[in-house]
């Protein structure tokens, strides 16, 4: 009975030790919150020993926003880095393309990218009562020198970066803004970060699907096609054509009155002009005839008067 109790106690102790040594256990990481001003690796926290178990917490707030940090490793050291998000809204509703991405540049210039994959294990941290989703991790033998990490995203989201696996607390770190030592003091900023959802970008709606994201990236301003300003191209209205003025055809003396001119216009106004011209010619002829008759009568009357006077 006693030996059974001892075996159970040893087994429980081994489980506890393994849990503490697990790289994904947030309770075994030395926490640092990345400030909003630390947008590049050179401005962000500097970790002198990348084998120590660190946890860096931060947020990207809008499309193109970045955070950065850097750490050193010796040749042959084990490189371990992972990308996590809190198991909360809005992060769990973001598409793969909207989730944060880590670009890691090694001392030899080699670039690797950590982004959301198919496997997304959930990790519940019992000490702080927080929960996380692991998006990606990288393990390899390190080159000696400085590693630089840049976190970016196109949507407002919180992230956690886990570096190293050796459990050591209180290691000095440079440019760790607001870092406090001690279990309770160090967990307070992390709890505040966890409980505060990032504000949505003002006036910018994030794409909600991979297809919309691709369309948005293809546009010059990074917006969705539906958000582009509609440009209405109006077709020019047809220029009104001038209405030709009918030309009145004058009837010459060589043509009999009432005959149709060869170049007359087949329109009502043309016929009216021709008719008026014909009437004018007829009136002139009648007037000439009347004048001729009157002249003839005067001449005849003068002859009769002359013949009636006796000659001496």
C-alpha atoms as a PDB file:
ATOM      1  CA  UNK A   1       0.000   0.000   0.000  1.00  0.00           C
ATOM      2  CA  UNK A   2       2.839   2.305   0.943  1.00  0.00           C
ATOM      3  CA  UNK A   3       4.789   1.555  -2.262  1.00  0.00           C
ATOM      4  CA  UNK A   4       1.652   2.296  -4.353  1.00  0.00           C
ATOM      5  CA  UNK A   5       1.314   5.671  -2.666  1.00  0.00           C
ATOM      6  CA  UNK A   6       4.983   6.471  -3.328  1.00  0.00           C
ATOM      7  CA  UNK A   7       4.673   5.545  -7.031  1.00  0.00           C
ATOM      8  CA  UNK A   8       1.605   7.768  -7.392  1.00  0.00           C
ATOM      9  CA  UNK A   9       3.408  10.677  -5.749  1.00  0.00           C
ATOM     10  CA  UNK A  10       6.456  10.271  -8.025  1.00  0.00           C
ATOM     11  CA  UNK A  11       4.230  10.110 -11.118  1.00  0.00           C
ATOM     12  CA  UNK A  12       2.426  13.283 -10.078  1.00  0.00           C
ATOM     13  CA  UNK A  13       5.727  15.050  -9.487  1.00  0.00           C
ATOM     14  CA  UNK A  14       6.986  14.049 -12.952  1.00  0.00           C
ATOM     15  CA  UNK A  15       3.810  15.385 -14.597  1.00  0.00           C
ATOM     16  CA  UNK A  16       4.228  18.681 -12.752  1.00  0.00           C
ATOM     17  CA  UNK A  17       7.879  18.959 -13.794  1.00  0.00           C
ATOM     18  CA  UNK A  18       7.072  18.222 -17.443  1.00  0.00           C
ATOM     19  CA  UNK A  19       4.319  20.821 -17.409  1.00  0.00           C
ATOM     20  CA  UNK A  20       6.696  23.434 -16.079  1.00  0.00           C
ATOM     21  CA  UNK A  21       9.325  22.591 -18.703  1.00  0.00           C
ATOM     22  CA  UNK A  22       6.851  22.751 -21.615  1.00  0.00           C
ATOM     23  CA  UNK A  23       7.752  25.682 -23.956  1.00  0.00           C
ATOM     24  CA  UNK A  24       4.089  26.487 -24.553  1.00  0.00           C
ATOM     25  CA  UNK A  25       3.302  27.003 -20.907  1.00  0.00           C
ATOM     26  CA  UNK A  26       2.765  30.740 -20.382  1.00  0.00           C
ATOM     27  CA  UNK A  27       3.414  30.346 -16.649  1.00  0.00           C
ATOM     28  CA  UNK A  28       7.015  29.317 -17.451  1.00  0.00           C
ATOM     29  CA  UNK A  29       7.708  32.433 -19.530  1.00  0.00           C
ATOM     30  CA  UNK A  30       9.117  35.743 -18.388  1.00  0.00           C
ATOM     31  CA  UNK A  31       6.468  38.260 -19.595  1.00  0.00           C
ATOM     32  CA  UNK A  32       7.156  41.535 -21.457  1.00  0.00           C
ATOM     33  CA  UNK A  33       4.496  43.779 -23.023  1.00  0.00           C
ATOM     34  CA  UNK A  34       5.557  45.438 -26.304  1.00  0.00           C
ATOM     35  CA  UNK A  35       4.653  49.129 -26.354  1.00  0.00           C
ATOM     36  CA  UNK A  36       2.800  50.780 -29.251  1.00  0.00           C
ATOM     37  CA  UNK A  37       5.885  52.900 -29.971  1.00  0.00           C
ATOM     38  CA  UNK A  38       8.086  49.825 -30.524  1.00  0.00           C
ATOM     39  CA  UNK A  39       7.281  49.357 -34.200  1.00  0.00           C
ATOM     40  CA  UNK A  40      10.646  47.903 -35.320  1.00  0.00           C
ATOM     41  CA  UNK A  41      13.055  45.297 -33.896  1.00  0.00           C
ATOM     42  CA  UNK A  42      15.590  48.017 -33.143  1.00  0.00           C
ATOM     43  CA  UNK A  43      13.007  49.944 -31.083  1.00  0.00           C
ATOM     44  CA  UNK A  44      11.459  46.904 -29.412  1.00  0.00           C
ATOM     45  CA  UNK A  45      12.609  44.818 -26.462  1.00  0.00           C
ATOM     46  CA  UNK A  46      16.061  43.253 -26.691  1.00  0.00           C
ATOM     47  CA  UNK A  47      16.444  39.773 -25.140  1.00  0.00           C
ATOM     48  CA  UNK A  48      20.133  38.989 -24.503  1.00  0.00           C
ATOM     49  CA  UNK A  49      19.552  35.225 -24.288  1.00  0.00           C
ATOM     50  CA  UNK A  50      17.063  33.683 -26.703  1.00  0.00           C
ATOM     51  CA  UNK A  51      17.189  30.297 -24.993  1.00  0.00           C
ATOM     52  CA  UNK A  52      15.409  31.706 -21.924  1.00  0.00           C
ATOM     53  CA  UNK A  53      11.662  31.277 -21.876  1.00  0.00           C
ATOM     54  CA  UNK A  54      10.191  34.716 -22.775  1.00  0.00           C
ATOM     55  CA  UNK A  55       6.627  35.733 -23.600  1.00  0.00           C
ATOM     56  CA  UNK A  56       6.021  38.989 -25.452  1.00  0.00           C
ATOM     57  CA  UNK A  57       2.498  40.466 -25.558  1.00  0.00           C
ATOM     58  CA  UNK A  58       1.301  43.167 -27.926  1.00  0.00           C
ATOM     59  CA  UNK A  59      -1.315  44.350 -30.405  1.00  0.00           C
ATOM     60  CA  UNK A  60      -1.435  45.626 -33.968  1.00  0.00           C
ATOM     61  CA  UNK A  61      -4.130  48.254 -34.293  1.00  0.00           C
ATOM     62  CA  UNK A  62      -4.634  48.877 -38.022  1.00  0.00           C
ATOM     63  CA  UNK A  63      -3.650  47.732 -41.497  1.00  0.00           C
ATOM     64  CA  UNK A  64       0.130  48.097 -41.799  1.00  0.00           C
ATOM     65  CA  UNK A  65       0.778  48.517 -38.071  1.00  0.00           C
ATOM     66  CA  UNK A  66       3.893  46.688 -36.787  1.00  0.00           C
ATOM     67  CA  UNK A  67       5.676  45.701 -33.569  1.00  0.00           C
ATOM     68  CA  UNK A  68       9.227  44.414 -33.196  1.00  0.00           C
ATOM     69  CA  UNK A  69      11.822  42.858 -30.894  1.00  0.00           C
ATOM     70  CA  UNK A  70      15.198  41.130 -31.164  1.00  0.00           C
ATOM     71  CA  UNK A  71      17.162  38.433 -29.351  1.00  0.00           C
ATOM     72  CA  UNK A  72      20.575  36.765 -29.440  1.00  0.00           C
ATOM     73  CA  UNK A  73      21.530  33.093 -29.735  1.00  0.00           C
ATOM     74  CA  UNK A  74      24.875  31.316 -29.704  1.00  0.00           C
ATOM     75  CA  UNK A  75      25.878  28.950 -32.540  1.00  0.00           C
ATOM     76  CA  UNK A  76      24.229  25.569 -31.996  1.00  0.00           C
ATOM     77  CA  UNK A  77      21.599  26.880 -29.554  1.00  0.00           C
ATOM     78  CA  UNK A  78      18.034  25.615 -29.948  1.00  0.00           C
ATOM     79  CA  UNK A  79      15.898  28.225 -31.674  1.00  0.00           C
ATOM     80  CA  UNK A  80      12.267  28.099 -30.570  1.00  0.00           C
ATOM     81  CA  UNK A  81       9.633  30.728 -31.408  1.00  0.00           C
ATOM     82  CA  UNK A  82       5.837  30.488 -31.611  1.00  0.00           C
ATOM     83  CA  UNK A  83       2.937  32.782 -32.503  1.00  0.00           C
ATOM     84  CA  UNK A  84      -0.269  32.751 -30.434  1.00  0.00           C
ATOM     85  CA  UNK A  85      -3.452  34.815 -30.110  1.00  0.00           C
ATOM     86  CA  UNK A  86      -5.849  35.052 -27.156  1.00  0.00           C
ATOM     87  CA  UNK A  87      -8.773  32.665 -27.397  1.00  0.00           C
ATOM     88  CA  UNK A  88     -11.138  35.648 -27.519  1.00  0.00           C
ATOM     89  CA  UNK A  89     -13.023  37.936 -29.857  1.00  0.00           C
ATOM     90  CA  UNK A  90     -12.218  39.565 -32.188  1.00  0.00           C
ATOM     91  CA  UNK A  91      -9.144  37.408 -32.891  1.00  0.00           C
ATOM     92  CA  UNK A  92     -10.977  34.072 -33.165  1.00  0.00           C
ATOM     93  CA  UNK A  93     -13.300  35.517 -35.847  1.00  0.00           C
ATOM     94  CA  UNK A  94     -10.523  36.849 -38.083  1.00  0.00           C
ATOM     95  CA  UNK A  95      -9.653  35.097 -41.334  1.00  0.00           C
ATOM     96  CA  UNK A  96      -6.213  33.548 -41.871  1.00  0.00           C
ATOM     97  CA  UNK A  97      -5.156  36.555 -43.939  1.00  0.00           C
ATOM     98  CA  UNK A  98      -6.255  38.988 -41.221  1.00  0.00           C
ATOM     99  CA  UNK A  99      -4.385  37.295 -38.352  1.00  0.00           C
ATOM    100  CA  UNK A 100      -0.976  38.615 -37.249  1.00  0.00           C
ATOM    101  CA  UNK A 101       2.166  37.380 -39.016  1.00  0.00           C
ATOM    102  CA  UNK A 102       5.770  37.212 -37.745  1.00  0.00           C
ATOM    103  CA  UNK A 103       8.749  37.841 -40.021  1.00  0.00           C
ATOM    104  CA  UNK A 104      11.961  36.512 -38.478  1.00  0.00           C
ATOM    105  CA  UNK A 105      15.333  37.528 -39.960  1.00  0.00           C
ATOM    106  CA  UNK A 106      18.355  35.466 -38.827  1.00  0.00           C
ATOM    107  CA  UNK A 107      21.982  36.588 -38.466  1.00  0.00           C
ATOM    108  CA  UNK A 108      22.737  35.105 -41.891  1.00  0.00           C
ATOM    109  CA  UNK A 109      19.946  37.133 -43.544  1.00  0.00           C
ATOM    110  CA  UNK A 110      17.619  34.154 -43.876  1.00  0.00           C
ATOM    111  CA  UNK A 111      13.950  35.165 -43.603  1.00  0.00           C
ATOM    112  CA  UNK A 112      11.250  32.902 -42.216  1.00  0.00           C
ATOM    113  CA  UNK A 113       7.541  33.626 -41.843  1.00  0.00           C
ATOM    114  CA  UNK A 114       5.253  32.450 -39.063  1.00  0.00           C
ATOM    115  CA  UNK A 115       1.565  32.648 -39.938  1.00  0.00           C
ATOM    116  CA  UNK A 116      -1.670  30.839 -39.192  1.00  0.00           C
ATOM    117  CA  UNK A 117      -1.677  27.169 -40.179  1.00  0.00           C
ATOM    118  CA  UNK A 118      -4.218  24.358 -40.186  1.00  0.00           C
ATOM    119  CA  UNK A 119      -3.320  23.117 -36.712  1.00  0.00           C
ATOM    120  CA  UNK A 120      -4.497  25.435 -33.922  1.00  0.00           C
ATOM    121  CA  UNK A 121      -4.164  23.828 -30.496  1.00  0.00           C
ATOM    122  CA  UNK A 122      -5.717  25.651 -27.550  1.00  0.00           C
ATOM    123  CA  UNK A 123      -3.617  26.279 -24.461  1.00  0.00           C
ATOM    124  CA  UNK A 124      -5.276  27.215 -21.147  1.00  0.00           C
ATOM    125  CA  UNK A 125      -2.919  28.927 -18.700  1.00  0.00           C
ATOM    126  CA  UNK A 126      -4.131  28.020 -15.187  1.00  0.00           C
ATOM    127  CA  UNK A 127      -2.082  30.552 -13.202  1.00  0.00           C
ATOM    128  CA  UNK A 128      -3.595  33.646 -14.870  1.00  0.00           C
ATOM    129  CA  UNK A 129      -6.815  32.024 -16.075  1.00  0.00           C
ATOM    130  CA  UNK A 130      -6.092  33.016 -19.683  1.00  0.00           C
ATOM    131  CA  UNK A 131      -6.520  30.950 -22.856  1.00  0.00           C
ATOM    132  CA  UNK A 132      -4.549  31.027 -26.104  1.00  0.00           C
ATOM    133  CA  UNK A 133      -4.556  29.534 -29.594  1.00  0.00           C
ATOM    134  CA  UNK A 134      -1.216  28.554 -31.128  1.00  0.00           C
ATOM    135  CA  UNK A 135      -1.070  29.645 -34.798  1.00  0.00           C
ATOM    136  CA  UNK A 136       2.495  28.634 -35.725  1.00  0.00           C
ATOM    137  CA  UNK A 137       5.848  27.652 -34.247  1.00  0.00           C
ATOM    138  CA  UNK A 138       9.414  27.182 -35.467  1.00  0.00           C
ATOM    139  CA  UNK A 139      12.167  24.929 -34.050  1.00  0.00           C
ATOM    140  CA  UNK A 140      15.698  24.625 -35.476  1.00  0.00           C
ATOM    141  CA  UNK A 141      19.377  24.861 -34.628  1.00  0.00           C
ATOM    142  CA  UNK A 142      20.387  28.490 -34.389  1.00  0.00           C
ATOM    143  CA  UNK A 143      23.104  30.449 -36.131  1.00  0.00           C
ATOM    144  CA  UNK A 144      25.157  32.572 -33.811  1.00  0.00           C
ATOM    145  CA  UNK A 145      24.099  36.202 -33.669  1.00  0.00           C
ATOM    146  CA  UNK A 146      21.131  38.575 -33.601  1.00  0.00           C
ATOM    147  CA  UNK A 147      17.609  37.525 -34.608  1.00  0.00           C
ATOM    148  CA  UNK A 148      15.117  40.260 -35.493  1.00  0.00           C
ATOM    149  CA  UNK A 149      11.328  39.728 -35.402  1.00  0.00           C
ATOM    150  CA  UNK A 150       8.621  41.986 -36.846  1.00  0.00           C
ATOM    151  CA  UNK A 151       4.922  41.363 -36.179  1.00  0.00           C
ATOM    152  CA  UNK A 152       2.420  42.845 -38.643  1.00  0.00           C
ATOM    153  CA  UNK A 153      -1.242  42.579 -39.526  1.00  0.00           C
ATOM    154  CA  UNK A 154      -4.042  44.119 -41.563  1.00  0.00           C
ATOM    155  CA  UNK A 155      -6.692  43.972 -38.821  1.00  0.00           C
ATOM    156  CA  UNK A 156      -6.711  45.014 -35.177  1.00  0.00           C
ATOM    157  CA  UNK A 157      -5.581  41.983 -33.132  1.00  0.00           C
ATOM    158  CA  UNK A 158      -3.667  40.952 -30.027  1.00  0.00           C
ATOM    159  CA  UNK A 159      -0.757  38.510 -30.239  1.00  0.00           C
ATOM    160  CA  UNK A 160       1.701  36.626 -28.042  1.00  0.00           C
ATOM    161  CA  UNK A 161       5.215  35.579 -29.083  1.00  0.00           C
ATOM    162  CA  UNK A 162       6.895  32.776 -27.147  1.00  0.00           C
ATOM    163  CA  UNK A 163      10.701  32.535 -27.357  1.00  0.00           C
ATOM    164  CA  UNK A 164      12.998  29.950 -25.779  1.00  0.00           C
ATOM    165  CA  UNK A 165      12.356  27.068 -23.392  1.00  0.00           C
ATOM    166  CA  UNK A 166      14.669  27.471 -20.378  1.00  0.00           C
ATOM    167  CA  UNK A 167      12.709  28.559 -17.325  1.00  0.00           C
ATOM    168  CA  UNK A 168      14.556  31.484 -15.787  1.00  0.00           C
ATOM    169  CA  UNK A 169      12.858  34.557 -14.341  1.00  0.00           C
ATOM    170  CA  UNK A 170      14.174  38.064 -13.779  1.00  0.00           C
ATOM    171  CA  UNK A 171      16.796  38.039 -16.564  1.00  0.00           C
ATOM    172  CA  UNK A 172      17.681  41.629 -17.498  1.00  0.00           C
ATOM    173  CA  UNK A 173      16.237  42.801 -20.823  1.00  0.00           C
ATOM    174  CA  UNK A 174      16.798  46.083 -22.624  1.00  0.00           C
ATOM    175  CA  UNK A 175      14.042  48.411 -23.889  1.00  0.00           C
ATOM    176  CA  UNK A 176      11.414  46.493 -21.886  1.00  0.00           C
ATOM    177  CA  UNK A 177       9.096  49.451 -21.266  1.00  0.00           C
ATOM    178  CA  UNK A 178       7.112  49.216 -18.033  1.00  0.00           C
ATOM    179  CA  UNK A 179       8.491  45.801 -17.096  1.00  0.00           C
ATOM    180  CA  UNK A 180       8.096  44.914 -13.420  1.00  0.00           C
ATOM    181  CA  UNK A 181       9.609  41.921 -11.630  1.00  0.00           C
ATOM    182  CA  UNK A 182       7.773  39.600  -9.277  1.00  0.00           C
ATOM    183  CA  UNK A 183       5.020  37.102 -10.054  1.00  0.00           C
ATOM    184  CA  UNK A 184       2.007  39.279  -9.224  1.00  0.00           C
ATOM    185  CA  UNK A 185       3.525  42.527 -10.494  1.00  0.00           C
ATOM    186  CA  UNK A 186       4.610  41.035 -13.838  1.00  0.00           C
ATOM    187  CA  UNK A 187       1.253  39.356 -14.506  1.00  0.00           C
ATOM    188  CA  UNK A 188      -0.780  42.573 -13.978  1.00  0.00           C
ATOM    189  CA  UNK A 189       0.134  44.196 -17.370  1.00  0.00           C
ATOM    190  CA  UNK A 190      -0.520  40.886 -19.116  1.00  0.00           C
ATOM    191  CA  UNK A 191      -3.955  40.605 -17.510  1.00  0.00           C
ATOM    192  CA  UNK A 192      -4.779  44.173 -18.582  1.00  0.00           C
ATOM    193  CA  UNK A 193      -3.650  43.374 -22.147  1.00  0.00           C
ATOM    194  CA  UNK A 194      -5.731  40.181 -22.171  1.00  0.00           C
ATOM    195  CA  UNK A 195      -8.882  41.892 -20.889  1.00  0.00           C
ATOM    196  CA  UNK A 196      -8.724  44.824 -23.328  1.00  0.00           C
ATOM    197  CA  UNK A 197      -9.857  44.111 -26.888  1.00  0.00           C
ATOM    198  CA  UNK A 198      -8.082  46.213 -29.524  1.00  0.00           C
ATOM    199  CA  UNK A 199     -10.254  49.067 -30.850  1.00  0.00           C
ATOM    200  CA  UNK A 200     -11.400  48.733 -34.464  1.00  0.00           C
ATOM    201  CA  UNK A 201      -9.637  50.939 -36.956  1.00  0.00           C
ATOM    202  CA  UNK A 202     -11.583  54.206 -37.300  1.00  0.00           C
ATOM    203  CA  UNK A 203     -13.155  54.638 -40.733  1.00  0.00           C
ATOM    204  CA  UNK A 204     -11.575  51.467 -42.137  1.00  0.00           C
ATOM    205  CA  UNK A 205     -13.459  48.210 -42.434  1.00  0.00           C
ATOM    206  CA  UNK A 206     -11.251  45.164 -42.620  1.00  0.00           C
ATOM    207  CA  UNK A 207     -11.816  42.667 -45.443  1.00  0.00           C
ATOM    208  CA  UNK A 208     -13.896  39.735 -44.257  1.00  0.00           C
ATOM    209  CA  UNK A 209     -12.736  37.049 -46.649  1.00  0.00           C
ATOM    210  CA  UNK A 210      -9.566  35.978 -48.428  1.00  0.00           C
ATOM    211  CA  UNK A 211     -11.127  36.881 -51.785  1.00  0.00           C
ATOM    212  CA  UNK A 212     -11.979  40.390 -50.588  1.00  0.00           C
ATOM    213  CA  UNK A 213      -8.509  40.740 -49.126  1.00  0.00           C
ATOM    214  CA  UNK A 214      -6.873  39.847 -52.452  1.00  0.00           C
ATOM    215  CA  UNK A 215      -9.110  42.358 -54.218  1.00  0.00           C
ATOM    216  CA  UNK A 216      -8.289  45.011 -51.625  1.00  0.00           C
ATOM    217  CA  UNK A 217      -4.541  44.466 -51.982  1.00  0.00           C
ATOM    218  CA  UNK A 218      -4.852  44.802 -55.766  1.00  0.00           C
ATOM    219  CA  UNK A 219      -6.250  48.325 -55.430  1.00  0.00           C
ATOM    220  CA  UNK A 220      -3.908  51.320 -54.975  1.00  0.00           C
ATOM    221  CA  UNK A 221      -5.385  52.444 -51.666  1.00  0.00           C
ATOM    222  CA  UNK A 222      -5.916  49.033 -50.196  1.00  0.00           C
ATOM    223  CA  UNK A 223      -9.674  49.227 -50.011  1.00  0.00           C
ATOM    224  CA  UNK A 224     -12.285  46.845 -51.277  1.00  0.00           C
ATOM    225  CA  UNK A 225     -13.683  47.359 -54.759  1.00  0.00           C
ATOM    226  CA  UNK A 226     -17.064  48.171 -53.177  1.00  0.00           C
ATOM    227  CA  UNK A 227     -15.367  50.993 -51.215  1.00  0.00           C
ATOM    228  CA  UNK A 228     -13.834  52.581 -54.267  1.00  0.00           C
ATOM    229  CA  UNK A 229     -15.419  55.881 -55.295  1.00  0.00           C
ATOM    230  CA  UNK A 230     -17.768  55.229 -58.167  1.00  0.00           C
ATOM    231  CA  UNK A 231     -16.874  57.248 -61.254  1.00  0.00           C
ATOM    232  CA  UNK A 232     -19.827  57.734 -63.562  1.00  0.00           C
ATOM    233  CA  UNK A 233     -18.777  58.410 -67.120  1.00  0.00           C
ATOM    234  CA  UNK A 234     -21.585  60.151 -68.922  1.00  0.00           C
ATOM    235  CA  UNK A 235     -21.751  59.775 -72.642  1.00  0.00           C
ATOM    236  CA  UNK A 236     -21.788  63.162 -74.380  1.00  0.00           C
ATOM    237  CA  UNK A 237     -25.234  64.114 -75.574  1.00  0.00           C
ATOM    238  CA  UNK A 238     -25.526  64.200 -79.355  1.00  0.00           C
ATOM    239  CA  UNK A 239     -24.974  67.648 -80.872  1.00  0.00           C
ATOM    240  CA  UNK A 240     -28.222  68.818 -82.486  1.00  0.00           C
ATOM    241  CA  UNK A 241     -27.855  68.986 -86.243  1.00  0.00           C
ATOM    242  CA  UNK A 242     -28.949  72.275 -87.892  1.00  0.00           C
ATOM    243  CA  UNK A 243     -32.220  72.040 -89.769  1.00  0.00           C
ATOM    244  CA  UNK A 244     -31.618  73.060 -93.409  1.00  0.00           C
ATOM    245  CA  UNK A 245     -33.582  76.158 -94.440  1.00  0.00           C
ATOM    246  CA  UNK A 246     -35.699  75.483 -97.538  1.00  0.00           C
ATOM    247  CA  UNK A 247     -34.451  77.450-100.542  1.00  0.00           C
ATOM    248  CA  UNK A 248     -37.145  79.213-102.548  1.00  0.00           C
ATOM    249  CA  UNK A 249     -36.750  78.424-106.240  1.00  0.00           C
ATOM    250  CA  UNK A 250     -37.484  81.425-108.418  1.00  0.00           C
ATOM    251  CA  UNK A 251     -39.395  80.787-111.664  1.00  0.00           C
ATOM    252  CA  UNK A 252     -37.642  82.422-114.629  1.00  0.00           C
ATOM    253  CA  UNK A 253     -39.234  83.789-117.752  1.00  0.00           C
ATOM    254  CA  UNK A 254     -38.014  80.835-119.775  1.00  0.00           C
ATOM    255  CA  UNK A 255     -40.234  78.548-117.805  1.00  0.00           C
ATOM    256  CA  UNK A 256     -44.013  78.626-118.219  1.00  0.00           C
ATOM    257  CA  UNK A 257     -45.897  79.824-115.182  1.00  0.00           C
ATOM    258  CA  UNK A 258     -47.167  76.971-113.081  1.00  0.00           C
ATOM    259  CA  UNK A 259     -44.476  74.527-114.225  1.00  0.00           C
ATOM    260  CA  UNK A 260     -42.406  72.831-111.553  1.00  0.00           C
ATOM    261  CA  UNK A 261     -38.750  73.860-111.445  1.00  0.00           C
ATOM    262  CA  UNK A 262     -36.209  71.104-111.853  1.00  0.00           C
ATOM    263  CA  UNK A 263     -34.435  71.941-108.546  1.00  0.00           C
ATOM    264  CA  UNK A 264     -37.538  72.632-106.449  1.00  0.00           C
ATOM    265  CA  UNK A 265     -37.563  71.471-102.841  1.00  0.00           C
ATOM    266  CA  UNK A 266     -40.105  68.749-102.096  1.00  0.00           C
ATOM    267  CA  UNK A 267     -41.305  70.374 -98.881  1.00  0.00           C
ATOM    268  CA  UNK A 268     -44.405  72.365 -97.953  1.00  0.00           C
ATOM    269  CA  UNK A 269     -42.395  75.551 -97.408  1.00  0.00           C
ATOM    270  CA  UNK A 270     -40.683  75.104-100.796  1.00  0.00           C
ATOM    271  CA  UNK A 271     -44.019  74.643-102.589  1.00  0.00           C
ATOM    272  CA  UNK A 272     -45.424  77.704-100.814  1.00  0.00           C
ATOM    273  CA  UNK A 273     -42.471  79.813-101.903  1.00  0.00           C
ATOM    274  CA  UNK A 274     -42.841  78.610-105.483  1.00  0.00           C
ATOM    275  CA  UNK A 275     -46.589  79.346-105.422  1.00  0.00           C
ATOM    276  CA  UNK A 276     -46.003  82.878-104.102  1.00  0.00           C
ATOM    277  CA  UNK A 277     -43.421  83.447-106.823  1.00  0.00           C
ATOM    278  CA  UNK A 278     -45.886  82.280-109.503  1.00  0.00           C
ATOM    279  CA  UNK A 279     -48.618  84.567-108.129  1.00  0.00           C
ATOM    280  CA  UNK A 280     -46.236  87.547-108.216  1.00  0.00           C
ATOM    281  CA  UNK A 281     -45.439  86.860-111.874  1.00  0.00           C
ATOM    282  CA  UNK A 282     -49.151  86.575-112.764  1.00  0.00           C
ATOM    283  CA  UNK A 283     -49.985  89.813-110.930  1.00  0.00           C
ATOM    284  CA  UNK A 284     -47.204  91.576-112.833  1.00  0.00           C
ATOM    285  CA  UNK A 285     -48.472  90.272-116.149  1.00  0.00           C
ATOM    286  CA  UNK A 286     -52.057  91.357-115.376  1.00  0.00           C
ATOM    287  CA  UNK A 287     -50.864  94.812-114.349  1.00  0.00           C
ATOM    288  CA  UNK A 288     -48.872  95.169-117.567  1.00  0.00           C
ATOM    289  CA  UNK A 289     -51.880  94.075-119.616  1.00  0.00           C
ATOM    290  CA  UNK A 290     -54.204  96.549-117.841  1.00  0.00           C
ATOM    291  CA  UNK A 291     -51.707  99.361-118.363  1.00  0.00           C
ATOM    292  CA  UNK A 292     -51.436  98.462-122.057  1.00  0.00           C
ATOM    293  CA  UNK A 293     -55.235  98.470-122.483  1.00  0.00           C
ATOM    294  CA  UNK A 294     -55.510 101.832-120.741  1.00  0.00           C
ATOM    295  CA  UNK A 295     -52.809 103.303-122.940  1.00  0.00           C
ATOM    296  CA  UNK A 296     -54.554 101.908-126.027  1.00  0.00           C
ATOM    297  CA  UNK A 297     -57.886 103.486-124.986  1.00  0.00           C
ATOM    298  CA  UNK A 298     -56.291 106.873-124.427  1.00  0.00           C
ATOM    299  CA  UNK A 299     -54.652 106.679-127.801  1.00  0.00           C
ATOM    300  CA  UNK A 300     -57.917 105.728-129.516  1.00  0.00           C
ATOM    301  CA  UNK A 301     -59.826 108.519-127.733  1.00  0.00           C
ATOM    302  CA  UNK A 302     -57.272 111.111-128.847  1.00  0.00           C
ATOM    303  CA  UNK A 303     -57.624 109.937-132.425  1.00  0.00           C
ATOM    304  CA  UNK A 304     -61.384 110.315-132.367  1.00  0.00           C
ATOM    305  CA  UNK A 305     -61.124 113.835-130.944  1.00  0.00           C
ATOM    306  CA  UNK A 306     -58.687 114.825-133.635  1.00  0.00           C
ATOM    307  CA  UNK A 307     -60.860 113.454-136.433  1.00  0.00           C
ATOM    308  CA  UNK A 308     -63.931 115.302-135.094  1.00  0.00           C
ATOM    309  CA  UNK A 309     -62.397 118.799-135.322  1.00  0.00           C
ATOM    310  CA  UNK A 310     -63.147 120.433-138.787  1.00  0.00           C
ATOM    311  CA  UNK A 311     -60.166 121.364-140.842  1.00  0.00           C
ATOM    312  CA  UNK A 312     -59.933 124.884-142.424  1.00  0.00           C
END
